[in-house]
Every structure is written in structure tokens, then in C-alpha cells.
Amino acid sequence: MAMETREGETLRRVRDVGLIGDGGTTVERIATWDSKRDTFSVLDDESARAALADRLGLDESTLIAELERREAFLQRLLDDGVSEIAAVQEAVAAFASS
């Protein structure tokens, strides 16, 4: 986790996400925060995608297809203005069961 103050505002961000492997001796970073631009990089390189696919027991093309499907779902929620917690939870539950 990271916390910074910018222009009087407190930013709280996940600094990075890693997969621990090889009995705890290696870490593959799959997401990182760029504090200068306040942006996230997620699964941007081949090794990160391969590590996550392996952890989930998927081939890489299936992982990418699932990520795209989830991104499209989340974009529909945004486009439809779904933002109330209960409505989001209901939509996520319906998505998960489909």
C-alpha cells in the first residue's frame, strides 16, 4: 500500500500486486502503480500474464479472453450508470453465475 498527499488530497493506492511462487522464494509482479502519473499497469508483460495464467490453471489465450469479458462487463456497468453498492453487488453476482 502507498499513501501520498497531493494538492491537499490524500491518495491511497495499492503499490503493487505480486504472485508468490516457488515455495515463497520468487515474486512475479502482475500489477504496479506509477505514482508520478497516478496510473496502474496490470499484466503488461508476457511473464506476468504467463504467471497468472499458470496460477489459475489456464492457458494464456483463455486468460486474456476472460479478462476482456470482465472488462466489457465493468464497462457496461459504467455506461449504464450502475454505481449503488446493492446494484453493483447484484450485477456482479449475476455475472459470476453466468
C-alpha atoms as a PDB file:
ATOM      1  CA  MET A   1       0.000   0.000   0.000  1.00  0.00           C
ATOM      2  CA  ALA A   2       1.045   3.574  -0.580  1.00  0.00           C
ATOM      3  CA  MET A   3      -0.203   6.880   0.765  1.00  0.00           C
ATOM      4  CA  GLU A   4       0.706  10.305  -0.587  1.00  0.00           C
ATOM      5  CA  THR A   5      -0.599  13.828  -0.278  1.00  0.00           C
ATOM      6  CA  ARG A   6      -1.076  15.833  -3.468  1.00  0.00           C
ATOM      7  CA  GLU A   7      -2.600  19.274  -3.677  1.00  0.00           C
ATOM      8  CA  GLY A   8      -4.064  18.800  -0.223  1.00  0.00           C
ATOM      9  CA  GLU A   9      -5.650  15.458  -1.130  1.00  0.00           C
ATOM     10  CA  THR A  10      -4.612  12.137   0.370  1.00  0.00           C
ATOM     11  CA  LEU A  11      -4.080   9.352  -2.178  1.00  0.00           C
ATOM     12  CA  ARG A  12      -4.250   5.751  -1.052  1.00  0.00           C
ATOM     13  CA  ARG A  13      -3.177   3.229  -3.636  1.00  0.00           C
ATOM     14  CA  VAL A  14      -2.164  -0.386  -3.940  1.00  0.00           C
ATOM     15  CA  ARG A  15       1.534  -0.065  -4.786  1.00  0.00           C
ATOM     16  CA  ASP A  16       1.848  -3.477  -6.422  1.00  0.00           C
ATOM     17  CA  VAL A  17       0.362  -6.953  -6.621  1.00  0.00           C
ATOM     18  CA  GLY A  18       2.549  -9.998  -6.850  1.00  0.00           C
ATOM     19  CA  LEU A  19       2.205 -13.738  -7.150  1.00  0.00           C
ATOM     20  CA  ILE A  20       4.413 -15.652  -4.766  1.00  0.00           C
ATOM     21  CA  GLY A  21       5.822 -18.819  -6.251  1.00  0.00           C
ATOM     22  CA  ASP A  22       8.483 -21.489  -5.824  1.00  0.00           C
ATOM     23  CA  GLY A  23       7.753 -22.076  -2.156  1.00  0.00           C
ATOM     24  CA  GLY A  24       7.897 -18.371  -1.371  1.00  0.00           C
ATOM     25  CA  THR A  25      11.269 -17.714  -2.984  1.00  0.00           C
ATOM     26  CA  THR A  26      10.066 -15.765  -6.050  1.00  0.00           C
ATOM     27  CA  VAL A  27       7.573 -12.990  -6.663  1.00  0.00           C
ATOM     28  CA  GLU A  28       6.128 -12.130 -10.060  1.00  0.00           C
ATOM     29  CA  ARG A  29       4.715  -8.591 -10.117  1.00  0.00           C
ATOM     30  CA  ILE A  30       1.429  -8.578 -12.024  1.00  0.00           C
ATOM     31  CA  ALA A  31       0.304  -5.015 -11.239  1.00  0.00           C
ATOM     32  CA  THR A  32       2.155  -1.846 -10.278  1.00  0.00           C
ATOM     33  CA  TRP A  33       1.269   1.768  -9.549  1.00  0.00           C
ATOM     34  CA  ASP A  34       3.107   4.621 -11.248  1.00  0.00           C
ATOM     35  CA  SER A  35       2.997   7.311  -8.571  1.00  0.00           C
ATOM     36  CA  LYS A  36       4.156  10.105 -10.894  1.00  0.00           C
ATOM     37  CA  ARG A  37       1.230   9.619 -13.283  1.00  0.00           C
ATOM     38  CA  ASP A  38      -1.158   8.018 -10.764  1.00  0.00           C
ATOM     39  CA  THR A  39      -1.820   5.163 -13.170  1.00  0.00           C
ATOM     40  CA  PHE A  40      -1.736   1.379 -12.906  1.00  0.00           C
ATOM     41  CA  SER A  41      -0.029  -1.179 -15.101  1.00  0.00           C
ATOM     42  CA  VAL A  42      -1.705  -4.578 -14.946  1.00  0.00           C
ATOM     43  CA  LEU A  43      -0.427  -7.702 -16.692  1.00  0.00           C
ATOM     44  CA  ASP A  44       1.586  -5.549 -19.094  1.00  0.00           C
ATOM     45  CA  ASP A  45       4.283  -8.077 -19.827  1.00  0.00           C
ATOM     46  CA  GLU A  46       4.355 -11.654 -21.024  1.00  0.00           C
ATOM     47  CA  SER A  47       5.857 -13.050 -17.833  1.00  0.00           C
ATOM     48  CA  ALA A  48       3.104 -11.513 -15.675  1.00  0.00           C
ATOM     49  CA  ARG A  49       0.358 -12.921 -17.903  1.00  0.00           C
ATOM     50  CA  ALA A  50       2.039 -16.324 -18.006  1.00  0.00           C
ATOM     51  CA  ALA A  51       2.423 -16.385 -14.216  1.00  0.00           C
ATOM     52  CA  LEU A  52      -1.235 -15.550 -13.609  1.00  0.00           C
ATOM     53  CA  ALA A  53      -2.460 -17.993 -16.246  1.00  0.00           C
ATOM     54  CA  ASP A  54      -0.332 -20.708 -14.679  1.00  0.00           C
ATOM     55  CA  ARG A  55      -1.592 -19.909 -11.167  1.00  0.00           C
ATOM     56  CA  LEU A  56      -5.204 -20.098 -12.406  1.00  0.00           C
ATOM     57  CA  GLY A  57      -4.625 -23.261 -14.436  1.00  0.00           C
ATOM     58  CA  LEU A  58      -5.500 -21.539 -17.715  1.00  0.00           C
ATOM     59  CA  ASP A  59      -3.737 -21.156 -20.999  1.00  0.00           C
ATOM     60  CA  GLU A  60      -2.821 -17.567 -21.778  1.00  0.00           C
ATOM     61  CA  SER A  61      -5.414 -17.090 -24.532  1.00  0.00           C
ATOM     62  CA  THR A  62      -8.204 -18.191 -22.162  1.00  0.00           C
ATOM     63  CA  LEU A  63      -6.914 -15.783 -19.510  1.00  0.00           C
ATOM     64  CA  ILE A  64      -6.932 -12.887 -21.994  1.00  0.00           C
ATOM     65  CA  ALA A  65     -10.453 -13.768 -23.175  1.00  0.00           C
ATOM     66  CA  GLU A  66     -11.716 -13.838 -19.579  1.00  0.00           C
ATOM     67  CA  LEU A  67     -10.072 -10.522 -18.777  1.00  0.00           C
ATOM     68  CA  GLU A  68     -11.690  -8.968 -21.848  1.00  0.00           C
ATOM     69  CA  ARG A  69     -15.083 -10.397 -20.876  1.00  0.00           C
ATOM     70  CA  ARG A  70     -14.786  -8.936 -17.386  1.00  0.00           C
ATOM     71  CA  GLU A  71     -13.625  -5.575 -18.710  1.00  0.00           C
ATOM     72  CA  ALA A  72     -16.637  -5.417 -21.044  1.00  0.00           C
ATOM     73  CA  PHE A  73     -18.955  -6.217 -18.119  1.00  0.00           C
ATOM     74  CA  LEU A  74     -17.445  -3.466 -15.965  1.00  0.00           C
ATOM     75  CA  GLN A  75     -17.631  -1.006 -18.863  1.00  0.00           C
ATOM     76  CA  ARG A  76     -21.351  -1.799 -19.278  1.00  0.00           C
ATOM     77  CA  LEU A  77     -21.899  -1.016 -15.592  1.00  0.00           C
ATOM     78  CA  LEU A  78     -20.161   2.327 -16.065  1.00  0.00           C
ATOM     79  CA  ASP A  79     -22.046   3.104 -19.276  1.00  0.00           C
ATOM     80  CA  ASP A  80     -25.358   2.225 -17.613  1.00  0.00           C
ATOM     81  CA  GLY A  81     -24.565   4.356 -14.566  1.00  0.00           C
ATOM     82  CA  VAL A  82     -24.738   1.410 -12.165  1.00  0.00           C
ATOM     83  CA  SER A  83     -22.981   2.682  -9.046  1.00  0.00           C
ATOM     84  CA  GLU A  84     -25.108   1.956  -5.993  1.00  0.00           C
ATOM     85  CA  ILE A  85     -23.476  -0.756  -3.883  1.00  0.00           C
ATOM     86  CA  ALA A  86     -26.503  -3.073  -3.897  1.00  0.00           C
ATOM     87  CA  ALA A  87     -26.960  -2.740  -7.664  1.00  0.00           C
ATOM     88  CA  VAL A  88     -23.276  -3.427  -8.308  1.00  0.00           C
ATOM     89  CA  GLN A  89     -23.342  -6.446  -5.996  1.00  0.00           C
ATOM     90  CA  GLU A  90     -26.428  -7.799  -7.757  1.00  0.00           C
ATOM     91  CA  ALA A  91     -24.853  -7.293 -11.188  1.00  0.00           C
ATOM     92  CA  VAL A  92     -21.597  -8.946 -10.106  1.00  0.00           C
ATOM     93  CA  ALA A  93     -23.495 -11.921  -8.651  1.00  0.00           C
ATOM     94  CA  ALA A  94     -25.446 -12.325 -11.886  1.00  0.00           C
ATOM     95  CA  PHE A  95     -22.236 -12.065 -13.931  1.00  0.00           C
ATOM     96  CA  ALA A  96     -20.471 -14.620 -11.743  1.00  0.00           C
ATOM     97  CA  SER A  97     -23.274 -17.137 -12.163  1.00  0.00           C
ATOM     98  CA  SER A  98     -23.386 -16.766 -15.963  1.00  0.00           C
END
